[in-house]
mmCIF file of all heavy atoms, coordinates in Angstrom:
data_MODEL
# 
_entry.id   MODEL 
# 
loop_
_atom_site.group_PDB 
_atom_site.id 
_atom_site.type_symbol 
_atom_site.label_atom_id 
_atom_site.label_alt_id 
_atom_site.label_comp_id 
_atom_site.label_asym_id 
_atom_site.label_entity_id 
_atom_site.label_seq_id 
_atom_site.pdbx_PDB_ins_code 
_atom_site.Cartn_x 
_atom_site.Cartn_y 
_atom_site.Cartn_z 
_atom_site.occupancy 
_atom_site.B_iso_or_equiv 
_atom_site.pdbx_formal_charge 
_atom_site.auth_seq_id 
_atom_site.auth_comp_id 
_atom_site.auth_asym_id 
_atom_site.auth_atom_id 
_atom_site.pdbx_PDB_model_num 
ATOM 1   N N   . ARG A 1 1  ? -26.200 -15.354 81.552 1.00 0.00 ? 1  ARG A N   1 
ATOM 2   C CA  . ARG A 1 1  ? -25.362 -16.379 82.055 1.00 0.00 ? 1  ARG A CA  1 
ATOM 3   C C   . ARG A 1 1  ? -23.917 -16.150 81.630 1.00 0.00 ? 1  ARG A C   1 
ATOM 4   O O   . ARG A 1 1  ? -23.620 -16.158 80.424 1.00 0.00 ? 1  ARG A O   1 
ATOM 5   C CB  . ARG A 1 1  ? -25.868 -17.790 81.547 1.00 0.00 ? 1  ARG A CB  1 
ATOM 6   C CG  . ARG A 1 1  ? -27.336 -18.051 81.905 1.00 0.00 ? 1  ARG A CG  1 
ATOM 7   C CD  . ARG A 1 1  ? -27.987 -19.037 80.991 1.00 0.00 ? 1  ARG A CD  1 
ATOM 8   N NE  . ARG A 1 1  ? -28.012 -18.583 79.611 1.00 0.00 ? 1  ARG A NE  1 
ATOM 9   C CZ  . ARG A 1 1  ? -28.433 -19.271 78.582 1.00 0.00 ? 1  ARG A CZ  1 
ATOM 10  N NH1 . ARG A 1 1  ? -28.927 -20.499 78.795 1.00 0.00 ? 1  ARG A NH1 1 
ATOM 11  N NH2 . ARG A 1 1  ? -28.456 -18.754 77.368 1.00 0.00 ? 1  ARG A NH2 1 
ATOM 12  N N   . ILE A 1 2  ? -23.066 -15.943 82.568 1.00 0.00 ? 2  ILE A N   1 
ATOM 13  C CA  . ILE A 1 2  ? -21.640 -15.637 82.374 1.00 0.00 ? 2  ILE A CA  1 
ATOM 14  C C   . ILE A 1 2  ? -20.784 -16.854 82.542 1.00 0.00 ? 2  ILE A C   1 
ATOM 15  O O   . ILE A 1 2  ? -20.945 -17.592 83.532 1.00 0.00 ? 2  ILE A O   1 
ATOM 16  C CB  . ILE A 1 2  ? -21.175 -14.534 83.305 1.00 0.00 ? 2  ILE A CB  1 
ATOM 17  C CG1 . ILE A 1 2  ? -22.053 -13.277 83.239 1.00 0.00 ? 2  ILE A CG1 1 
ATOM 18  C CG2 . ILE A 1 2  ? -19.713 -14.154 83.039 1.00 0.00 ? 2  ILE A CG2 1 
ATOM 19  C CD1 . ILE A 1 2  ? -21.856 -12.290 84.355 1.00 0.00 ? 2  ILE A CD1 1 
ATOM 20  N N   . VAL A 1 3  ? -19.893 -17.112 81.613 1.00 0.00 ? 3  VAL A N   1 
ATOM 21  C CA  . VAL A 1 3  ? -18.891 -18.203 81.743 1.00 0.00 ? 3  VAL A CA  1 
ATOM 22  C C   . VAL A 1 3  ? -17.484 -17.604 81.735 1.00 0.00 ? 3  VAL A C   1 
ATOM 23  O O   . VAL A 1 3  ? -17.272 -16.477 81.264 1.00 0.00 ? 3  VAL A O   1 
ATOM 24  C CB  . VAL A 1 3  ? -19.045 -19.257 80.625 1.00 0.00 ? 3  VAL A CB  1 
ATOM 25  C CG1 . VAL A 1 3  ? -20.267 -20.154 80.908 1.00 0.00 ? 3  VAL A CG1 1 
ATOM 26  C CG2 . VAL A 1 3  ? -19.115 -18.611 79.267 1.00 0.00 ? 3  VAL A CG2 1 
ATOM 27  N N   . THR A 1 4  ? -16.541 -18.401 82.258 1.00 0.00 ? 4  THR A N   1 
ATOM 28  C CA  . THR A 1 4  ? -15.160 -17.945 82.327 1.00 0.00 ? 4  THR A CA  1 
ATOM 29  C C   . THR A 1 4  ? -14.257 -19.073 81.836 1.00 0.00 ? 4  THR A C   1 
ATOM 30  O O   . THR A 1 4  ? -14.724 -20.158 81.484 1.00 0.00 ? 4  THR A O   1 
ATOM 31  C CB  . THR A 1 4  ? -14.758 -17.619 83.777 1.00 0.00 ? 4  THR A CB  1 
ATOM 32  O OG1 . THR A 1 4  ? -14.578 -18.856 84.504 1.00 0.00 ? 4  THR A OG1 1 
ATOM 33  C CG2 . THR A 1 4  ? -15.769 -16.743 84.456 1.00 0.00 ? 4  THR A CG2 1 
ATOM 34  N N   . GLU A 1 5  ? -12.954 -18.838 81.835 1.00 0.00 ? 5  GLU A N   1 
ATOM 35  C CA  . GLU A 1 5  ? -12.025 -19.903 81.417 1.00 0.00 ? 5  GLU A CA  1 
ATOM 36  C C   . GLU A 1 5  ? -12.006 -21.048 82.418 1.00 0.00 ? 5  GLU A C   1 
ATOM 37  O O   . GLU A 1 5  ? -11.493 -22.136 82.091 1.00 0.00 ? 5  GLU A O   1 
ATOM 38  C CB  . GLU A 1 5  ? -10.629 -19.317 81.188 1.00 0.00 ? 5  GLU A CB  1 
ATOM 39  C CG  . GLU A 1 5  ? -9.815  -19.095 82.445 1.00 0.00 ? 5  GLU A CG  1 
ATOM 40  C CD  . GLU A 1 5  ? -10.141 -17.764 83.134 1.00 0.00 ? 5  GLU A CD  1 
ATOM 41  O OE1 . GLU A 1 5  ? -11.106 -17.075 82.718 1.00 0.00 ? 5  GLU A OE1 1 
ATOM 42  O OE2 . GLU A 1 5  ? -9.468  -17.407 84.095 1.00 0.00 ? 5  GLU A OE2 1 
ATOM 43  N N   . ARG A 1 6  ? -12.573 -20.866 83.581 1.00 0.00 ? 6  ARG A N   1 
ATOM 44  C CA  . ARG A 1 6  ? -12.622 -21.916 84.588 1.00 0.00 ? 6  ARG A CA  1 
ATOM 45  C C   . ARG A 1 6  ? -13.892 -22.764 84.490 1.00 0.00 ? 6  ARG A C   1 
ATOM 46  O O   . ARG A 1 6  ? -14.041 -23.773 85.195 1.00 0.00 ? 6  ARG A O   1 
ATOM 47  C CB  . ARG A 1 6  ? -12.532 -21.324 85.996 1.00 0.00 ? 6  ARG A CB  1 
ATOM 48  C CG  . ARG A 1 6  ? -11.220 -20.696 86.318 1.00 0.00 ? 6  ARG A CG  1 
ATOM 49  C CD  . ARG A 1 6  ? -11.267 -20.127 87.743 1.00 0.00 ? 6  ARG A CD  1 
ATOM 50  N NE  . ARG A 1 6  ? -9.988  -19.529 88.143 1.00 0.00 ? 6  ARG A NE  1 
ATOM 51  C CZ  . ARG A 1 6  ? -9.037  -20.198 88.798 1.00 0.00 ? 6  ARG A CZ  1 
ATOM 52  N NH1 . ARG A 1 6  ? -9.210  -21.492 89.076 1.00 0.00 ? 6  ARG A NH1 1 
ATOM 53  N NH2 . ARG A 1 6  ? -7.918  -19.576 89.138 1.00 0.00 ? 6  ARG A NH2 1 
ATOM 54  N N   . THR A 1 7  ? -14.854 -22.373 83.681 1.00 0.00 ? 7  THR A N   1 
ATOM 55  C CA  . THR A 1 7  ? -16.133 -23.058 83.617 1.00 0.00 ? 7  THR A CA  1 
ATOM 56  C C   . THR A 1 7  ? -15.990 -24.512 83.188 1.00 0.00 ? 7  THR A C   1 
ATOM 57  O O   . THR A 1 7  ? -15.366 -24.778 82.164 1.00 0.00 ? 7  THR A O   1 
ATOM 58  C CB  . THR A 1 7  ? -17.090 -22.319 82.643 1.00 0.00 ? 7  THR A CB  1 
ATOM 59  O OG1 . THR A 1 7  ? -17.343 -20.992 83.126 1.00 0.00 ? 7  THR A OG1 1 
ATOM 60  C CG2 . THR A 1 7  ? -18.430 -23.064 82.540 1.00 0.00 ? 7  THR A CG2 1 
ATOM 61  N N   . LYS A 1 8  ? -16.564 -25.399 83.990 1.00 0.00 ? 8  LYS A N   1 
ATOM 62  C CA  . LYS A 1 8  ? -16.671 -26.807 83.675 1.00 0.00 ? 8  LYS A CA  1 
ATOM 63  C C   . LYS A 1 8  ? -18.136 -27.199 83.806 1.00 0.00 ? 8  LYS A C   1 
ATOM 64  O O   . LYS A 1 8  ? -18.603 -27.403 84.931 1.00 0.00 ? 8  LYS A O   1 
ATOM 65  C CB  . LYS A 1 8  ? -15.782 -27.645 84.567 1.00 0.00 ? 8  LYS A CB  1 
ATOM 66  C CG  . LYS A 1 8  ? -14.305 -27.365 84.432 1.00 0.00 ? 8  LYS A CG  1 
ATOM 67  C CD  . LYS A 1 8  ? -13.491 -28.202 85.386 1.00 0.00 ? 8  LYS A CD  1 
ATOM 68  C CE  . LYS A 1 8  ? -11.981 -27.928 85.245 1.00 0.00 ? 8  LYS A CE  1 
ATOM 69  N NZ  . LYS A 1 8  ? -11.198 -28.714 86.218 1.00 0.00 ? 8  LYS A NZ  1 
ATOM 70  N N   . MET A 1 9  ? -18.825 -27.259 82.683 1.00 0.00 ? 9  MET A N   1 
ATOM 71  C CA  . MET A 1 9  ? -20.278 -27.403 82.720 1.00 0.00 ? 9  MET A CA  1 
ATOM 72  C C   . MET A 1 9  ? -20.682 -28.813 82.293 1.00 0.00 ? 9  MET A C   1 
ATOM 73  O O   . MET A 1 9  ? -20.107 -29.390 81.361 1.00 0.00 ? 9  MET A O   1 
ATOM 74  C CB  . MET A 1 9  ? -20.887 -26.379 81.753 1.00 0.00 ? 9  MET A CB  1 
ATOM 75  C CG  . MET A 1 9  ? -22.409 -26.436 81.638 1.00 0.00 ? 9  MET A CG  1 
ATOM 76  S SD  . MET A 1 9  ? -23.056 -25.247 80.427 1.00 0.00 ? 9  MET A SD  1 
ATOM 77  C CE  . MET A 1 9  ? -22.758 -23.711 81.279 1.00 0.00 ? 9  MET A CE  1 
ATOM 78  N N   . ALA A 1 10 ? -21.687 -29.361 82.965 1.00 0.00 ? 10 ALA A N   1 
ATOM 79  C CA  . ALA A 1 10 ? -22.179 -30.716 82.572 1.00 0.00 ? 10 ALA A CA  1 
ATOM 80  C C   . ALA A 1 10 ? -23.527 -30.972 83.209 1.00 0.00 ? 10 ALA A C   1 
ATOM 81  O O   . ALA A 1 10 ? -23.893 -30.356 84.221 1.00 0.00 ? 10 ALA A O   1 
ATOM 82  C CB  . ALA A 1 10 ? -21.190 -31.793 82.988 1.00 0.00 ? 10 ALA A CB  1 
ATOM 83  N N   . MET A 1 11 ? -24.228 -31.894 82.614 1.00 0.00 ? 11 MET A N   1 
ATOM 84  C CA  . MET A 1 11 ? -25.407 -32.507 83.194 1.00 0.00 ? 11 MET A CA  1 
ATOM 85  C C   . MET A 1 11 ? -25.031 -33.976 83.294 1.00 0.00 ? 11 MET A C   1 
ATOM 86  O O   . MET A 1 11 ? -25.394 -34.792 82.432 1.00 0.00 ? 11 MET A O   1 
ATOM 87  C CB  . MET A 1 11 ? -26.647 -32.281 82.348 1.00 0.00 ? 11 MET A CB  1 
ATOM 88  C CG  . MET A 1 11 ? -27.159 -30.850 82.300 1.00 0.00 ? 11 MET A CG  1 
ATOM 89  S SD  . MET A 1 11 ? -27.646 -30.245 83.962 1.00 0.00 ? 11 MET A SD  1 
ATOM 90  C CE  . MET A 1 11 ? -29.215 -31.097 84.151 1.00 0.00 ? 11 MET A CE  1 
ATOM 91  N N   . PRO A 1 12 ? -24.326 -34.355 84.389 1.00 0.00 ? 12 PRO A N   1 
ATOM 92  C CA  . PRO A 1 12 ? -23.716 -35.709 84.449 1.00 0.00 ? 12 PRO A CA  1 
ATOM 93  C C   . PRO A 1 12 ? -24.517 -36.753 85.199 1.00 0.00 ? 12 PRO A C   1 
ATOM 94  O O   . PRO A 1 12 ? -23.958 -37.741 85.680 1.00 0.00 ? 12 PRO A O   1 
ATOM 95  C CB  . PRO A 1 12 ? -22.392 -35.398 85.225 1.00 0.00 ? 12 PRO A CB  1 
ATOM 96  C CG  . PRO A 1 12 ? -22.840 -34.307 86.197 1.00 0.00 ? 12 PRO A CG  1 
ATOM 97  C CD  . PRO A 1 12 ? -23.889 -33.508 85.472 1.00 0.00 ? 12 PRO A CD  1 
ATOM 98  N N   . GLU A 1 13 ? -25.821 -36.558 85.297 1.00 0.00 ? 13 GLU A N   1 
ATOM 99  C CA  . GLU A 1 13 ? -26.641 -37.426 86.125 1.00 0.00 ? 13 GLU A CA  1 
ATOM 100 C C   . GLU A 1 13 ? -26.572 -38.900 85.720 1.00 0.00 ? 13 GLU A C   1 
ATOM 101 O O   . GLU A 1 13 ? -26.691 -39.786 86.630 1.00 0.00 ? 13 GLU A O   1 
ATOM 102 C CB  . GLU A 1 13 ? -28.081 -36.934 86.129 1.00 0.00 ? 13 GLU A CB  1 
ATOM 103 C CG  . GLU A 1 13 ? -28.316 -35.662 86.929 1.00 0.00 ? 13 GLU A CG  1 
ATOM 104 C CD  . GLU A 1 13 ? -27.938 -34.390 86.163 1.00 0.00 ? 13 GLU A CD  1 
ATOM 105 O OE1 . GLU A 1 13 ? -27.510 -34.492 84.960 1.00 0.00 ? 13 GLU A OE1 1 
ATOM 106 O OE2 . GLU A 1 13 ? -28.032 -33.303 86.713 1.00 0.00 ? 13 GLU A OE2 1 
ATOM 107 N N   . VAL A 1 14 ? -26.469 -39.193 84.422 1.00 0.00 ? 14 VAL A N   1 
ATOM 108 C CA  . VAL A 1 14 ? -26.399 -40.610 84.042 1.00 0.00 ? 14 VAL A CA  1 
ATOM 109 C C   . VAL A 1 14 ? -25.204 -41.331 84.659 1.00 0.00 ? 14 VAL A C   1 
ATOM 110 O O   . VAL A 1 14 ? -25.192 -42.558 84.733 1.00 0.00 ? 14 VAL A O   1 
ATOM 111 C CB  . VAL A 1 14 ? -26.393 -40.796 82.504 1.00 0.00 ? 14 VAL A CB  1 
ATOM 112 C CG1 . VAL A 1 14 ? -27.733 -40.436 81.912 1.00 0.00 ? 14 VAL A CG1 1 
ATOM 113 C CG2 . VAL A 1 14 ? -25.258 -39.969 81.856 1.00 0.00 ? 14 VAL A CG2 1 
ATOM 114 N N   . ASN A 1 15 ? -24.152 -40.552 85.095 1.00 0.00 ? 15 ASN A N   1 
ATOM 115 C CA  . ASN A 1 15 ? -23.009 -41.154 85.763 1.00 0.00 ? 15 ASN A CA  1 
ATOM 116 C C   . ASN A 1 15 ? -23.426 -41.878 87.054 1.00 0.00 ? 15 ASN A C   1 
ATOM 117 O O   . ASN A 1 15 ? -22.791 -42.834 87.455 1.00 0.00 ? 15 ASN A O   1 
ATOM 118 C CB  . ASN A 1 15 ? -21.979 -40.074 86.147 1.00 0.00 ? 15 ASN A CB  1 
ATOM 119 C CG  . ASN A 1 15 ? -21.473 -39.306 84.951 1.00 0.00 ? 15 ASN A CG  1 
ATOM 120 O OD1 . ASN A 1 15 ? -21.990 -39.429 83.856 1.00 0.00 ? 15 ASN A OD1 1 
ATOM 121 N ND2 . ASN A 1 15 ? -20.438 -38.544 85.191 1.00 0.00 ? 15 ASN A ND2 1 
ATOM 122 N N   . ILE A 1 16 ? -24.492 -41.376 87.690 1.00 0.00 ? 16 ILE A N   1 
ATOM 123 C CA  . ILE A 1 16 ? -24.925 -41.951 88.957 1.00 0.00 ? 16 ILE A CA  1 
ATOM 124 C C   . ILE A 1 16 ? -26.271 -42.619 88.887 1.00 0.00 ? 16 ILE A C   1 
ATOM 125 O O   . ILE A 1 16 ? -26.914 -42.873 89.918 1.00 0.00 ? 16 ILE A O   1 
ATOM 126 C CB  . ILE A 1 16 ? -24.951 -40.896 90.079 1.00 0.00 ? 16 ILE A CB  1 
ATOM 127 C CG1 . ILE A 1 16 ? -25.871 -39.706 89.735 1.00 0.00 ? 16 ILE A CG1 1 
ATOM 128 C CG2 . ILE A 1 16 ? -23.512 -40.380 90.405 1.00 0.00 ? 16 ILE A CG2 1 
ATOM 129 C CD1 . ILE A 1 16 ? -26.188 -38.810 90.937 1.00 0.00 ? 16 ILE A CD1 1 
ATOM 130 N N   . GLY A 1 17 ? -26.708 -42.930 87.708 1.00 0.00 ? 17 GLY A N   1 
ATOM 131 C CA  . GLY A 1 17 ? -27.981 -43.655 87.568 1.00 0.00 ? 17 GLY A CA  1 
ATOM 132 C C   . GLY A 1 17 ? -29.192 -42.758 87.749 1.00 0.00 ? 17 GLY A C   1 
ATOM 133 O O   . GLY A 1 17 ? -30.266 -43.201 88.152 1.00 0.00 ? 17 GLY A O   1 
ATOM 134 N N   . LEU A 1 18 ? -29.042 -41.484 87.440 1.00 0.00 ? 18 LEU A N   1 
ATOM 135 C CA  . LEU A 1 18 ? -30.141 -40.527 87.509 1.00 0.00 ? 18 LEU A CA  1 
ATOM 136 C C   . LEU A 1 18 ? -30.363 -39.993 86.079 1.00 0.00 ? 18 LEU A C   1 
ATOM 137 O O   . LEU A 1 18 ? -29.854 -40.546 85.095 1.00 0.00 ? 18 LEU A O   1 
ATOM 138 C CB  . LEU A 1 18 ? -29.856 -39.409 88.497 1.00 0.00 ? 18 LEU A CB  1 
ATOM 139 C CG  . LEU A 1 18 ? -30.997 -38.565 89.031 1.00 0.00 ? 18 LEU A CG  1 
ATOM 140 C CD1 . LEU A 1 18 ? -32.061 -39.398 89.724 1.00 0.00 ? 18 LEU A CD1 1 
ATOM 141 C CD2 . LEU A 1 18 ? -30.471 -37.486 89.989 1.00 0.00 ? 18 LEU A CD2 1 
ATOM 142 N N   . PHE A 1 19 ? -31.114 -38.932 85.917 1.00 0.00 ? 19 PHE A N   1 
ATOM 143 C CA  . PHE A 1 19 ? -31.366 -38.331 84.617 1.00 0.00 ? 19 PHE A CA  1 
ATOM 144 C C   . PHE A 1 19 ? -31.143 -36.842 84.761 1.00 0.00 ? 19 PHE A C   1 
ATOM 145 O O   . PHE A 1 19 ? -31.168 -36.264 85.863 1.00 0.00 ? 19 PHE A O   1 
ATOM 146 C CB  . PHE A 1 19 ? -32.805 -38.632 84.169 1.00 0.00 ? 19 PHE A CB  1 
ATOM 147 C CG  . PHE A 1 19 ? -33.842 -38.104 85.106 1.00 0.00 ? 19 PHE A CG  1 
ATOM 148 C CD1 . PHE A 1 19 ? -34.373 -36.841 84.937 1.00 0.00 ? 19 PHE A CD1 1 
ATOM 149 C CD2 . PHE A 1 19 ? -34.272 -38.891 86.197 1.00 0.00 ? 19 PHE A CD2 1 
ATOM 150 C CE1 . PHE A 1 19 ? -35.285 -36.358 85.842 1.00 0.00 ? 19 PHE A CE1 1 
ATOM 151 C CE2 . PHE A 1 19 ? -35.194 -38.383 87.088 1.00 0.00 ? 19 PHE A CE2 1 
ATOM 152 C CZ  . PHE A 1 19 ? -35.721 -37.117 86.940 1.00 0.00 ? 19 PHE A CZ  1 
ATOM 153 N N   . PRO A 1 20 ? -30.954 -36.121 83.639 1.00 0.00 ? 20 PRO A N   1 
ATOM 154 C CA  . PRO A 1 20 ? -30.696 -34.667 83.690 1.00 0.00 ? 20 PRO A CA  1 
ATOM 155 C C   . PRO A 1 20 ? -31.971 -33.911 84.104 1.00 0.00 ? 20 PRO A C   1 
ATOM 156 O O   . PRO A 1 20 ? -32.799 -33.577 83.265 1.00 0.00 ? 20 PRO A O   1 
ATOM 157 C CB  . PRO A 1 20 ? -30.239 -34.296 82.306 1.00 0.00 ? 20 PRO A CB  1 
ATOM 158 C CG  . PRO A 1 20 ? -30.745 -35.352 81.415 1.00 0.00 ? 20 PRO A CG  1 
ATOM 159 C CD  . PRO A 1 20 ? -30.784 -36.609 82.244 1.00 0.00 ? 20 PRO A CD  1 
ATOM 160 N N   . ASP A 1 21 ? -32.093 -33.607 85.398 1.00 0.00 ? 21 ASP A N   1 
ATOM 161 C CA  . ASP A 1 21 ? -33.323 -32.998 85.902 1.00 0.00 ? 21 ASP A CA  1 
ATOM 162 C C   . ASP A 1 21 ? -33.156 -31.490 86.024 1.00 0.00 ? 21 ASP A C   1 
ATOM 163 O O   . ASP A 1 21 ? -32.556 -30.890 85.176 1.00 0.00 ? 21 ASP A O   1 
ATOM 164 C CB  . ASP A 1 21 ? -33.703 -33.671 87.248 1.00 0.00 ? 21 ASP A CB  1 
ATOM 165 C CG  . ASP A 1 21 ? -32.699 -33.453 88.334 1.00 0.00 ? 21 ASP A CG  1 
ATOM 166 O OD1 . ASP A 1 21 ? -31.490 -33.173 88.039 1.00 0.00 ? 21 ASP A OD1 1 
ATOM 167 O OD2 . ASP A 1 21 ? -33.057 -33.564 89.535 1.00 0.00 ? 21 ASP A OD2 1 
ATOM 168 N N   . VAL A 1 22 ? -33.731 -30.895 87.031 1.00 0.00 ? 22 VAL A N   1 
ATOM 169 C CA  . VAL A 1 22 ? -33.744 -29.460 87.280 1.00 0.00 ? 22 VAL A CA  1 
ATOM 170 C C   . VAL A 1 22 ? -34.110 -28.657 86.029 1.00 0.00 ? 22 VAL A C   1 
ATOM 171 O O   . VAL A 1 22 ? -33.556 -27.560 85.793 1.00 0.00 ? 22 VAL A O   1 
ATOM 172 C CB  . VAL A 1 22 ? -32.422 -28.929 87.885 1.00 0.00 ? 22 VAL A CB  1 
ATOM 173 C CG1 . VAL A 1 22 ? -32.207 -29.565 89.292 1.00 0.00 ? 22 VAL A CG1 1 
ATOM 174 C CG2 . VAL A 1 22 ? -31.202 -29.220 87.032 1.00 0.00 ? 22 VAL A CG2 1 
ATOM 175 N N   . GLY A 1 23 ? -34.982 -29.190 85.204 1.00 0.00 ? 23 GLY A N   1 
ATOM 176 C CA  . GLY A 1 23 ? -35.356 -28.520 83.986 1.00 0.00 ? 23 GLY A CA  1 
ATOM 177 C C   . GLY A 1 23 ? -34.578 -28.949 82.780 1.00 0.00 ? 23 GLY A C   1 
ATOM 178 O O   . GLY A 1 23 ? -34.754 -28.378 81.682 1.00 0.00 ? 23 GLY A O   1 
ATOM 179 N N   . GLY A 1 24 ? -33.708 -29.946 82.943 1.00 0.00 ? 24 GLY A N   1 
ATOM 180 C CA  . GLY A 1 24 ? -32.890 -30.411 81.818 1.00 0.00 ? 24 GLY A CA  1 
ATOM 181 C C   . GLY A 1 24 ? -33.738 -30.866 80.618 1.00 0.00 ? 24 GLY A C   1 
ATOM 182 O O   . GLY A 1 24 ? -33.360 -30.765 79.498 1.00 0.00 ? 24 GLY A O   1 
ATOM 183 N N   . SER A 1 25 ? -34.947 -31.405 80.933 1.00 0.00 ? 25 SER A N   1 
ATOM 184 C CA  . SER A 1 25 ? -35.879 -31.831 79.864 1.00 0.00 ? 25 SER A CA  1 
ATOM 185 C C   . SER A 1 25 ? -36.134 -30.644 78.932 1.00 0.00 ? 25 SER A C   1 
ATOM 186 O O   . SER A 1 25 ? -36.284 -30.815 77.732 1.00 0.00 ? 25 SER A O   1 
ATOM 187 C CB  . SER A 1 25 ? -37.243 -32.235 80.462 1.00 0.00 ? 25 SER A CB  1 
ATOM 188 O OG  . SER A 1 25 ? -37.073 -33.168 81.493 1.00 0.00 ? 25 SER A OG  1 
ATOM 189 N N   . TYR A 1 26 ? -36.174 -29.447 79.507 1.00 0.00 ? 26 TYR A N   1 
ATOM 190 C CA  . TYR A 1 26 ? -36.510 -28.221 78.777 1.00 0.00 ? 26 TYR A CA  1 
ATOM 191 C C   . TYR A 1 26 ? -35.262 -27.623 78.106 1.00 0.00 ? 26 TYR A C   1 
ATOM 192 O O   . TYR A 1 26 ? -35.219 -27.479 76.890 1.00 0.00 ? 26 TYR A O   1 
ATOM 193 C CB  . TYR A 1 26 ? -37.116 -27.202 79.708 1.00 0.00 ? 26 TYR A CB  1 
ATOM 194 C CG  . TYR A 1 26 ? -37.609 -25.944 79.004 1.00 0.00 ? 26 TYR A CG  1 
ATOM 195 C CD1 . TYR A 1 26 ? -38.867 -25.937 78.416 1.00 0.00 ? 26 TYR A CD1 1 
ATOM 196 C CD2 . TYR A 1 26 ? -36.826 -24.809 78.935 1.00 0.00 ? 26 TYR A CD2 1 
ATOM 197 C CE1 . TYR A 1 26 ? -39.351 -24.780 77.777 1.00 0.00 ? 26 TYR A CE1 1 
ATOM 198 C CE2 . TYR A 1 26 ? -37.295 -23.681 78.271 1.00 0.00 ? 26 TYR A CE2 1 
ATOM 199 C CZ  . TYR A 1 26 ? -38.553 -23.660 77.726 1.00 0.00 ? 26 TYR A CZ  1 
ATOM 200 O OH  . TYR A 1 26 ? -39.006 -22.535 77.080 1.00 0.00 ? 26 TYR A OH  1 
ATOM 201 N N   . PHE A 1 27 ? -34.225 -27.331 78.905 1.00 0.00 ? 27 PHE A N   1 
ATOM 202 C CA  . PHE A 1 27 ? -33.106 -26.588 78.272 1.00 0.00 ? 27 PHE A CA  1 
ATOM 203 C C   . PHE A 1 27 ? -32.157 -27.459 77.439 1.00 0.00 ? 27 PHE A C   1 
ATOM 204 O O   . PHE A 1 27 ? -31.572 -26.969 76.474 1.00 0.00 ? 27 PHE A O   1 
ATOM 205 C CB  . PHE A 1 27 ? -32.348 -25.740 79.301 1.00 0.00 ? 27 PHE A CB  1 
ATOM 206 C CG  . PHE A 1 27 ? -31.714 -26.461 80.455 1.00 0.00 ? 27 PHE A CG  1 
ATOM 207 C CD1 . PHE A 1 27 ? -30.524 -27.143 80.278 1.00 0.00 ? 27 PHE A CD1 1 
ATOM 208 C CD2 . PHE A 1 27 ? -32.226 -26.392 81.708 1.00 0.00 ? 27 PHE A CD2 1 
ATOM 209 C CE1 . PHE A 1 27 ? -29.897 -27.830 81.332 1.00 0.00 ? 27 PHE A CE1 1 
ATOM 210 C CE2 . PHE A 1 27 ? -31.623 -26.996 82.807 1.00 0.00 ? 27 PHE A CE2 1 
ATOM 211 C CZ  . PHE A 1 27 ? -30.441 -27.730 82.586 1.00 0.00 ? 27 PHE A CZ  1 
# 
C-alpha cells in the first residue's frame, strides 16, 4: 500500500450514520 503527500485517508462512515465496513471490523 503506497501513500503520497496527497493522501487523505479515513473511515468516515459515522459521519453519515453508517459504520466502518468493507472489512473495517478487521483492519
